[in-house]
Amino acid sequence: MYSTQFQIITDITPARLAQVIELMTELPELAQERSIAEFKQRLYGREALLMLCFVEGELVGFKLGYALDEKRFYSWLGGVIPEFRGIGLAQQMLHAVEQWAIEQGYETMQIKTRNLFKAVLNLLIKNSYQVIDFTPVADDISQYRLSLQKQLTDVAC
């Protein structure tokens, strides 16, 4: 069994963002290049959360999200490097982010994904997320963007 550690960070510094950007290069789904400026633009002036996931001291995953307003929290980006998938890390991070959001007073959690990310979609559905909208992309149904939401008020603390 692996030794795992999760670190919750609400004071997100450029150094932490650089760490996330570097980790994203190991996540095929998030391989597009992003700059620290892009992260700052998205996160600036909002309550934000960065959760880092370590296995045996090695950074292997993250979740990053921010407040949409006083009641809604958006789980924006996240993932686990392929070598560490399938051992429950994404589930643990999702649960921890939900608990943190509840403690901060958020009532709903929103997430977007694409049809082609079946593991993410299955995880979300298994955890009571519901599709609230979708955006078609050309003629490729696998690229459809799905918006999901969960009522955090239904989650037992």
N, C-alpha and C. Protein backbone atom coordinates (compact mmCIF):
# COMPACT_ATOMS: atom_id res chain seq x y z
N MET A 1 0.84 -1.19 0.00
CA MET A 1 0.00 0.00 0.00
C MET A 1 0.88 1.24 0.00
N TYR A 2 0.47 2.21 -0.77
CA TYR A 2 1.21 3.45 -0.88
C TYR A 2 0.90 4.39 0.29
N SER A 3 1.89 5.19 0.64
CA SER A 3 1.69 6.26 1.59
C SER A 3 1.26 7.50 0.81
N THR A 4 0.06 8.01 1.10
CA THR A 4 -0.44 9.17 0.37
C THR A 4 -0.62 10.35 1.31
N GLN A 5 -0.48 11.55 0.74
CA GLN A 5 -0.68 12.78 1.50
C GLN A 5 -1.38 13.77 0.58
N PHE A 6 -2.32 14.51 1.15
CA PHE A 6 -3.03 15.55 0.41
C PHE A 6 -2.78 16.88 1.10
N GLN A 7 -2.44 17.87 0.31
CA GLN A 7 -2.13 19.19 0.86
C GLN A 7 -3.11 20.20 0.27
N ILE A 8 -3.83 20.91 1.13
CA ILE A 8 -4.77 21.93 0.70
C ILE A 8 -4.09 23.29 0.82
N ILE A 9 -4.13 24.04 -0.28
CA ILE A 9 -3.48 25.35 -0.34
C ILE A 9 -4.51 26.37 -0.81
N THR A 10 -4.66 27.44 -0.04
CA THR A 10 -5.58 28.51 -0.44
C THR A 10 -4.81 29.79 -0.80
N ASP A 11 -3.56 29.86 -0.42
CA ASP A 11 -2.70 30.98 -0.80
C ASP A 11 -1.84 30.49 -1.97
N ILE A 12 -2.37 30.64 -3.17
CA ILE A 12 -1.75 30.04 -4.35
C ILE A 12 -0.73 31.01 -4.95
N THR A 13 0.53 30.68 -4.80
CA THR A 13 1.63 31.53 -5.25
C THR A 13 2.04 31.17 -6.68
N PRO A 14 2.78 32.06 -7.35
CA PRO A 14 3.33 31.71 -8.68
C PRO A 14 4.18 30.44 -8.64
N ALA A 15 4.91 30.22 -7.56
CA ALA A 15 5.73 29.00 -7.46
C ALA A 15 4.84 27.76 -7.44
N ARG A 16 3.72 27.82 -6.74
CA ARG A 16 2.78 26.70 -6.72
C ARG A 16 2.17 26.49 -8.10
N LEU A 17 1.83 27.59 -8.78
CA LEU A 17 1.28 27.48 -10.13
C LEU A 17 2.29 26.85 -11.08
N ALA A 18 3.56 27.22 -10.94
CA ALA A 18 4.60 26.62 -11.77
C ALA A 18 4.69 25.11 -11.52
N GLN A 19 4.52 24.71 -10.28
CA GLN A 19 4.52 23.30 -9.91
C GLN A 19 3.36 22.56 -10.61
N VAL A 20 2.20 23.18 -10.62
CA VAL A 20 1.03 22.59 -11.28
C VAL A 20 1.25 22.51 -12.78
N ILE A 21 1.76 23.57 -13.37
CA ILE A 21 2.01 23.58 -14.81
C ILE A 21 2.99 22.47 -15.19
N GLU A 22 4.01 22.29 -14.39
CA GLU A 22 4.97 21.21 -14.66
C GLU A 22 4.31 19.84 -14.56
N LEU A 23 3.48 19.63 -13.54
CA LEU A 23 2.77 18.37 -13.39
C LEU A 23 1.83 18.12 -14.56
N MET A 24 1.20 19.17 -15.06
CA MET A 24 0.27 19.03 -16.17
C MET A 24 0.92 18.46 -17.42
N THR A 25 2.22 18.63 -17.58
CA THR A 25 2.90 18.07 -18.75
C THR A 25 2.89 16.55 -18.72
N GLU A 26 2.64 15.96 -17.54
CA GLU A 26 2.59 14.51 -17.40
C GLU A 26 1.16 13.98 -17.50
N LEU A 27 0.21 14.87 -17.68
CA LEU A 27 -1.20 14.48 -17.79
C LEU A 27 -1.64 14.66 -19.25
N PRO A 28 -1.81 13.56 -19.98
CA PRO A 28 -2.14 13.68 -21.41
C PRO A 28 -3.37 14.53 -21.69
N GLU A 29 -4.36 14.49 -20.81
CA GLU A 29 -5.59 15.25 -21.02
C GLU A 29 -5.40 16.75 -20.86
N LEU A 30 -4.34 17.14 -20.16
CA LEU A 30 -4.10 18.56 -19.89
C LEU A 30 -2.81 19.05 -20.53
N ALA A 31 -2.41 18.41 -21.60
CA ALA A 31 -1.10 18.66 -22.20
C ALA A 31 -0.96 20.04 -22.85
N GLN A 32 -2.06 20.73 -23.14
CA GLN A 32 -1.92 22.04 -23.77
C GLN A 32 -1.17 22.97 -22.82
N GLU A 33 -0.35 23.81 -23.41
CA GLU A 33 0.46 24.72 -22.58
C GLU A 33 -0.40 25.81 -21.96
N ARG A 34 -0.11 26.08 -20.71
CA ARG A 34 -0.78 27.16 -19.99
C ARG A 34 0.29 27.97 -19.28
N SER A 35 0.02 29.25 -19.14
CA SER A 35 0.99 30.13 -18.50
C SER A 35 0.51 30.49 -17.10
N ILE A 36 1.45 30.94 -16.28
CA ILE A 36 1.09 31.42 -14.96
C ILE A 36 0.13 32.60 -15.08
N ALA A 37 0.32 33.43 -16.11
CA ALA A 37 -0.57 34.58 -16.32
C ALA A 37 -2.01 34.11 -16.56
N GLU A 38 -2.19 33.03 -17.30
CA GLU A 38 -3.54 32.50 -17.55
C GLU A 38 -4.19 32.04 -16.24
N PHE A 39 -3.39 31.38 -15.40
CA PHE A 39 -3.91 30.94 -14.10
C PHE A 39 -4.27 32.14 -13.24
N LYS A 40 -3.40 33.13 -13.20
CA LYS A 40 -3.66 34.32 -12.39
C LYS A 40 -4.93 35.03 -12.85
N GLN A 41 -5.11 35.12 -14.17
CA GLN A 41 -6.29 35.78 -14.71
C GLN A 41 -7.56 35.05 -14.26
N ARG A 42 -7.53 33.73 -14.27
CA ARG A 42 -8.70 32.93 -13.90
C ARG A 42 -8.95 33.00 -12.38
N LEU A 43 -7.87 33.02 -11.60
CA LEU A 43 -8.00 32.92 -10.14
C LEU A 43 -8.01 34.26 -9.42
N TYR A 44 -7.49 35.32 -10.04
CA TYR A 44 -7.31 36.60 -9.37
C TYR A 44 -8.63 37.12 -8.78
N GLY A 45 -8.57 37.50 -7.52
CA GLY A 45 -9.71 38.12 -6.86
C GLY A 45 -10.80 37.14 -6.44
N ARG A 46 -10.52 35.86 -6.53
CA ARG A 46 -11.52 34.86 -6.16
C ARG A 46 -10.95 33.95 -5.08
N GLU A 47 -11.83 33.42 -4.25
CA GLU A 47 -11.38 32.39 -3.33
C GLU A 47 -11.03 31.16 -4.18
N ALA A 48 -9.86 30.61 -3.94
CA ALA A 48 -9.40 29.49 -4.75
C ALA A 48 -8.82 28.40 -3.86
N LEU A 49 -8.77 27.22 -4.41
CA LEU A 49 -8.24 26.05 -3.71
C LEU A 49 -7.34 25.27 -4.65
N LEU A 50 -6.18 24.92 -4.15
CA LEU A 50 -5.28 24.00 -4.84
C LEU A 50 -5.04 22.83 -3.90
N MET A 51 -5.34 21.64 -4.38
CA MET A 51 -5.06 20.44 -3.60
C MET A 51 -3.99 19.67 -4.34
N LEU A 52 -2.92 19.35 -3.63
CA LEU A 52 -1.83 18.56 -4.19
C LEU A 52 -1.91 17.16 -3.59
N CYS A 53 -1.64 16.18 -4.42
CA CYS A 53 -1.67 14.78 -4.00
C CYS A 53 -0.26 14.20 -4.16
N PHE A 54 0.26 13.67 -3.06
CA PHE A 54 1.59 13.07 -3.04
C PHE A 54 1.48 11.58 -2.73
N VAL A 55 2.25 10.78 -3.42
CA VAL A 55 2.37 9.35 -3.12
C VAL A 55 3.85 9.09 -2.86
N GLU A 56 4.13 8.57 -1.68
CA GLU A 56 5.52 8.32 -1.28
C GLU A 56 6.38 9.58 -1.46
N GLY A 57 5.76 10.75 -1.19
CA GLY A 57 6.48 12.02 -1.28
C GLY A 57 6.58 12.62 -2.66
N GLU A 58 6.09 11.92 -3.68
CA GLU A 58 6.15 12.40 -5.06
C GLU A 58 4.82 13.01 -5.46
N LEU A 59 4.84 14.22 -6.04
CA LEU A 59 3.63 14.88 -6.51
C LEU A 59 3.08 14.11 -7.71
N VAL A 60 1.84 13.60 -7.56
CA VAL A 60 1.27 12.77 -8.62
C VAL A 60 -0.09 13.26 -9.11
N GLY A 61 -0.67 14.25 -8.42
CA GLY A 61 -1.96 14.74 -8.85
C GLY A 61 -2.31 16.06 -8.21
N PHE A 62 -3.37 16.68 -8.72
CA PHE A 62 -3.83 17.95 -8.17
C PHE A 62 -5.28 18.19 -8.53
N LYS A 63 -5.92 19.09 -7.81
CA LYS A 63 -7.22 19.66 -8.13
C LYS A 63 -7.10 21.16 -7.90
N LEU A 64 -7.64 21.93 -8.80
CA LEU A 64 -7.61 23.38 -8.71
C LEU A 64 -8.99 23.92 -9.04
N GLY A 65 -9.50 24.76 -8.16
CA GLY A 65 -10.81 25.33 -8.39
C GLY A 65 -10.94 26.70 -7.76
N TYR A 66 -12.09 27.33 -8.03
CA TYR A 66 -12.30 28.67 -7.51
C TYR A 66 -13.80 28.96 -7.38
N ALA A 67 -14.09 29.98 -6.61
CA ALA A 67 -15.48 30.40 -6.39
C ALA A 67 -16.04 31.06 -7.64
N LEU A 68 -17.23 30.64 -8.02
CA LEU A 68 -17.97 31.34 -9.07
C LEU A 68 -18.76 32.48 -8.46
N ASP A 69 -19.24 32.24 -7.24
CA ASP A 69 -19.92 33.25 -6.44
C ASP A 69 -19.95 32.72 -5.01
N GLU A 70 -20.74 33.31 -4.15
CA GLU A 70 -20.74 32.93 -2.73
C GLU A 70 -21.25 31.52 -2.48
N LYS A 71 -22.02 30.97 -3.40
CA LYS A 71 -22.66 29.67 -3.18
C LYS A 71 -22.17 28.56 -4.11
N ARG A 72 -21.46 28.94 -5.18
CA ARG A 72 -21.03 27.94 -6.16
C ARG A 72 -19.51 27.91 -6.29
N PHE A 73 -18.95 26.69 -6.22
CA PHE A 73 -17.52 26.48 -6.38
C PHE A 73 -17.30 25.67 -7.66
N TYR A 74 -16.33 26.11 -8.45
CA TYR A 74 -16.02 25.48 -9.73
C TYR A 74 -14.72 24.70 -9.63
N SER A 75 -14.79 23.40 -9.83
CA SER A 75 -13.60 22.56 -9.86
C SER A 75 -13.07 22.62 -11.29
N TRP A 76 -12.04 23.41 -11.51
CA TRP A 76 -11.60 23.78 -12.85
C TRP A 76 -10.70 22.73 -13.49
N LEU A 77 -9.58 22.44 -12.88
CA LEU A 77 -8.60 21.53 -13.47
C LEU A 77 -8.17 20.50 -12.44
N GLY A 78 -7.74 19.36 -12.93
CA GLY A 78 -7.22 18.35 -12.03
C GLY A 78 -6.87 17.08 -12.77
N GLY A 79 -6.16 16.24 -12.07
CA GLY A 79 -5.81 14.96 -12.65
C GLY A 79 -4.76 14.24 -11.82
N VAL A 80 -4.55 13.00 -12.20
CA VAL A 80 -3.55 12.12 -11.58
C VAL A 80 -2.70 11.58 -12.72
N ILE A 81 -1.38 11.56 -12.54
CA ILE A 81 -0.52 11.05 -13.60
C ILE A 81 -0.85 9.58 -13.85
N PRO A 82 -0.74 9.15 -15.11
CA PRO A 82 -1.20 7.80 -15.50
C PRO A 82 -0.67 6.65 -14.64
N GLU A 83 0.58 6.72 -14.20
CA GLU A 83 1.15 5.61 -13.42
C GLU A 83 0.45 5.40 -12.08
N PHE A 84 -0.29 6.40 -11.61
CA PHE A 84 -0.94 6.31 -10.30
C PHE A 84 -2.46 6.33 -10.38
N ARG A 85 -2.99 6.09 -11.56
CA ARG A 85 -4.44 6.03 -11.71
C ARG A 85 -4.96 4.66 -11.29
N GLY A 86 -6.22 4.64 -10.93
CA GLY A 86 -6.86 3.38 -10.60
C GLY A 86 -6.69 2.94 -9.15
N ILE A 87 -6.10 3.80 -8.31
CA ILE A 87 -5.92 3.42 -6.90
C ILE A 87 -6.74 4.33 -5.96
N GLY A 88 -7.66 5.08 -6.55
CA GLY A 88 -8.59 5.86 -5.74
C GLY A 88 -8.18 7.28 -5.40
N LEU A 89 -7.11 7.77 -5.99
CA LEU A 89 -6.64 9.12 -5.64
C LEU A 89 -7.62 10.20 -6.10
N ALA A 90 -8.15 10.07 -7.30
CA ALA A 90 -9.10 11.08 -7.80
C ALA A 90 -10.34 11.11 -6.92
N GLN A 91 -10.81 9.94 -6.50
CA GLN A 91 -11.97 9.88 -5.60
C GLN A 91 -11.67 10.57 -4.28
N GLN A 92 -10.50 10.32 -3.73
CA GLN A 92 -10.13 10.94 -2.46
C GLN A 92 -10.03 12.46 -2.60
N MET A 93 -9.43 12.93 -3.71
CA MET A 93 -9.32 14.37 -3.92
C MET A 93 -10.69 15.01 -4.09
N LEU A 94 -11.56 14.36 -4.88
CA LEU A 94 -12.91 14.89 -5.09
C LEU A 94 -13.64 15.03 -3.76
N HIS A 95 -13.59 14.00 -2.96
CA HIS A 95 -14.26 14.04 -1.66
C HIS A 95 -13.68 15.15 -0.77
N ALA A 96 -12.37 15.27 -0.74
CA ALA A 96 -11.73 16.30 0.10
C ALA A 96 -12.09 17.71 -0.38
N VAL A 97 -12.14 17.93 -1.68
CA VAL A 97 -12.51 19.25 -2.20
C VAL A 97 -13.97 19.55 -1.84
N GLU A 98 -14.84 18.55 -1.98
CA GLU A 98 -16.24 18.75 -1.59
C GLU A 98 -16.36 19.13 -0.11
N GLN A 99 -15.64 18.42 0.75
CA GLN A 99 -15.70 18.72 2.18
C GLN A 99 -15.18 20.12 2.47
N TRP A 100 -14.09 20.50 1.82
CA TRP A 100 -13.55 21.84 1.99
C TRP A 100 -14.59 22.88 1.55
N ALA A 101 -15.22 22.65 0.40
CA ALA A 101 -16.22 23.60 -0.12
C ALA A 101 -17.40 23.74 0.83
N ILE A 102 -17.84 22.63 1.40
CA ILE A 102 -18.93 22.66 2.38
C ILE A 102 -18.53 23.51 3.59
N GLU A 103 -17.32 23.30 4.07
CA GLU A 103 -16.82 24.06 5.22
C GLU A 103 -16.74 25.56 4.93
N GLN A 104 -16.55 25.91 3.66
CA GLN A 104 -16.47 27.32 3.28
C GLN A 104 -17.85 27.93 3.01
N GLY A 105 -18.90 27.10 3.06
CA GLY A 105 -20.26 27.59 2.88
C GLY A 105 -20.81 27.47 1.46
N TYR A 106 -20.11 26.80 0.58
CA TYR A 106 -20.62 26.61 -0.79
C TYR A 106 -21.75 25.59 -0.78
N GLU A 107 -22.72 25.80 -1.66
CA GLU A 107 -23.88 24.91 -1.73
C GLU A 107 -23.82 23.97 -2.93
N THR A 108 -23.13 24.40 -3.98
CA THR A 108 -23.02 23.54 -5.16
C THR A 108 -21.58 23.51 -5.66
N MET A 109 -21.25 22.39 -6.30
CA MET A 109 -19.94 22.22 -6.94
C MET A 109 -20.22 22.01 -8.42
N GLN A 110 -19.51 22.74 -9.26
CA GLN A 110 -19.66 22.58 -10.70
C GLN A 110 -18.35 22.12 -11.30
N ILE A 111 -18.47 21.29 -12.32
CA ILE A 111 -17.31 20.73 -13.01
C ILE A 111 -17.65 20.62 -14.48
N LYS A 112 -16.66 20.81 -15.34
CA LYS A 112 -16.84 20.57 -16.77
C LYS A 112 -15.86 19.48 -17.20
N THR A 113 -16.31 18.66 -18.13
CA THR A 113 -15.45 17.62 -18.69
C THR A 113 -15.89 17.40 -20.13
N ARG A 114 -15.30 16.43 -20.77
CA ARG A 114 -15.67 16.09 -22.14
C ARG A 114 -16.09 14.63 -22.20
N ASN A 115 -16.90 14.30 -23.16
CA ASN A 115 -17.36 12.93 -23.33
C ASN A 115 -16.22 11.93 -23.39
N LEU A 116 -15.11 12.30 -23.99
CA LEU A 116 -14.02 11.35 -24.18
C LEU A 116 -13.31 10.98 -22.88
N PHE A 117 -13.50 11.74 -21.83
CA PHE A 117 -12.86 11.43 -20.55
C PHE A 117 -13.81 10.57 -19.71
N LYS A 118 -13.98 9.33 -20.14
CA LYS A 118 -14.96 8.44 -19.53
C LYS A 118 -14.70 8.17 -18.05
N ALA A 119 -13.44 8.03 -17.66
CA ALA A 119 -13.13 7.76 -16.25
C ALA A 119 -13.59 8.92 -15.37
N VAL A 120 -13.38 10.15 -15.83
CA VAL A 120 -13.80 11.33 -15.07
C VAL A 120 -15.33 11.38 -15.01
N LEU A 121 -15.96 11.17 -16.14
CA LEU A 121 -17.42 11.20 -16.20
C LEU A 121 -18.02 10.14 -15.29
N ASN A 122 -17.47 8.93 -15.32
CA ASN A 122 -17.96 7.86 -14.44
C ASN A 122 -17.77 8.22 -12.96
N LEU A 123 -16.60 8.79 -12.63
CA LEU A 123 -16.35 9.21 -11.24
C LEU A 123 -17.38 10.23 -10.79
N LEU A 124 -17.66 11.20 -11.64
CA LEU A 124 -18.61 12.25 -11.28
C LEU A 124 -20.03 11.69 -11.10
N ILE A 125 -20.45 10.85 -12.03
CA ILE A 125 -21.80 10.27 -11.92
C ILE A 125 -21.90 9.40 -10.68
N LYS A 126 -20.87 8.61 -10.42
CA LYS A 126 -20.84 7.76 -9.22
C LYS A 126 -20.97 8.60 -7.94
N ASN A 127 -20.52 9.85 -8.00
CA ASN A 127 -20.55 10.74 -6.84
C ASN A 127 -21.70 11.74 -6.90
N SER A 128 -22.77 11.38 -7.59
CA SER A 128 -24.03 12.14 -7.61
C SER A 128 -23.98 13.47 -8.36
N TYR A 129 -23.03 13.64 -9.26
CA TYR A 129 -23.03 14.82 -10.12
C TYR A 129 -24.03 14.58 -11.24
N GLN A 130 -24.71 15.64 -11.65
CA GLN A 130 -25.69 15.54 -12.71
C GLN A 130 -25.34 16.50 -13.84
N VAL A 131 -25.58 16.05 -15.06
CA VAL A 131 -25.34 16.89 -16.23
C VAL A 131 -26.38 18.00 -16.23
N ILE A 132 -25.90 19.25 -16.31
CA ILE A 132 -26.82 20.39 -16.34
C ILE A 132 -26.79 21.10 -17.68
N ASP A 133 -25.77 20.80 -18.50
CA ASP A 133 -25.65 21.44 -19.80
C ASP A 133 -24.58 20.72 -20.61
N PHE A 134 -24.63 20.88 -21.91
CA PHE A 134 -23.55 20.38 -22.75
C PHE A 134 -23.41 21.29 -23.95
N THR A 135 -22.20 21.31 -24.48
CA THR A 135 -21.89 22.13 -25.65
C THR A 135 -21.34 21.23 -26.74
N PRO A 136 -22.08 21.11 -27.85
CA PRO A 136 -21.56 20.31 -28.97
C PRO A 136 -20.31 20.95 -29.56
N VAL A 137 -19.41 20.11 -30.04
CA VAL A 137 -18.20 20.59 -30.69
C VAL A 137 -18.11 19.92 -32.05
N ALA A 138 -18.36 20.70 -33.09
CA ALA A 138 -18.33 20.22 -34.47
C ALA A 138 -19.17 18.94 -34.58
N ASP A 139 -18.65 17.97 -35.30
CA ASP A 139 -19.37 16.71 -35.49
C ASP A 139 -18.78 15.59 -34.67
N ASP A 140 -17.95 15.93 -33.68
CA ASP A 140 -17.26 14.93 -32.88
C ASP A 140 -17.89 14.84 -31.50
N ILE A 141 -18.76 13.86 -31.31
CA ILE A 141 -19.48 13.72 -30.05
C ILE A 141 -18.54 13.48 -28.87
N SER A 142 -17.37 12.91 -29.13
CA SER A 142 -16.41 12.66 -28.04
C SER A 142 -15.88 13.97 -27.46
N GLN A 143 -15.93 15.05 -28.22
CA GLN A 143 -15.43 16.34 -27.76
C GLN A 143 -16.51 17.22 -27.12
N TYR A 144 -17.75 16.73 -27.08
CA TYR A 144 -18.80 17.51 -26.44
C TYR A 144 -18.37 17.87 -25.02
N ARG A 145 -18.59 19.11 -24.64
CA ARG A 145 -18.25 19.57 -23.30
C ARG A 145 -19.48 19.43 -22.41
N LEU A 146 -19.30 18.72 -21.31
CA LEU A 146 -20.40 18.48 -20.39
C LEU A 146 -20.20 19.30 -19.12
N SER A 147 -21.25 19.97 -18.69
CA SER A 147 -21.25 20.70 -17.42
C SER A 147 -22.05 19.88 -16.43
N LEU A 148 -21.43 19.62 -15.27
CA LEU A 148 -22.09 18.83 -14.22
C LEU A 148 -22.11 19.63 -12.93
N GLN A 149 -23.08 19.29 -12.10
CA GLN A 149 -23.23 19.99 -10.83
C GLN A 149 -23.69 19.01 -9.76
N LYS A 150 -23.27 19.29 -8.52
CA LYS A 150 -23.70 18.51 -7.38
C LYS A 150 -24.14 19.46 -6.28
N GLN A 151 -25.26 19.15 -5.66
CA GLN A 151 -25.74 19.91 -4.51
C GLN A 151 -24.94 19.44 -3.30
N LEU A 152 -24.10 20.30 -2.77
CA LEU A 152 -23.29 19.94 -1.60
C LEU A 152 -24.12 19.85 -0.33
N THR A 153 -25.28 20.46 -0.36
CA THR A 153 -26.16 20.39 0.80
C THR A 153 -26.67 18.97 1.00
N ASP A 154 -26.53 18.10 -0.02
CA ASP A 154 -26.95 16.71 0.08
C ASP A 154 -25.83 15.80 0.57
N VAL A 155 -24.62 16.37 0.77
CA VAL A 155 -23.46 15.57 1.19
C VAL A 155 -23.39 15.55 2.71
N ALA A 156 -23.24 14.37 3.26
CA ALA A 156 -23.08 14.24 4.72
C ALA A 156 -21.65 14.60 5.10
N CYS A 157 -21.51 15.46 6.08
CA CYS A 157 -20.17 15.87 6.54
C CYS A 157 -19.55 14.80 7.40
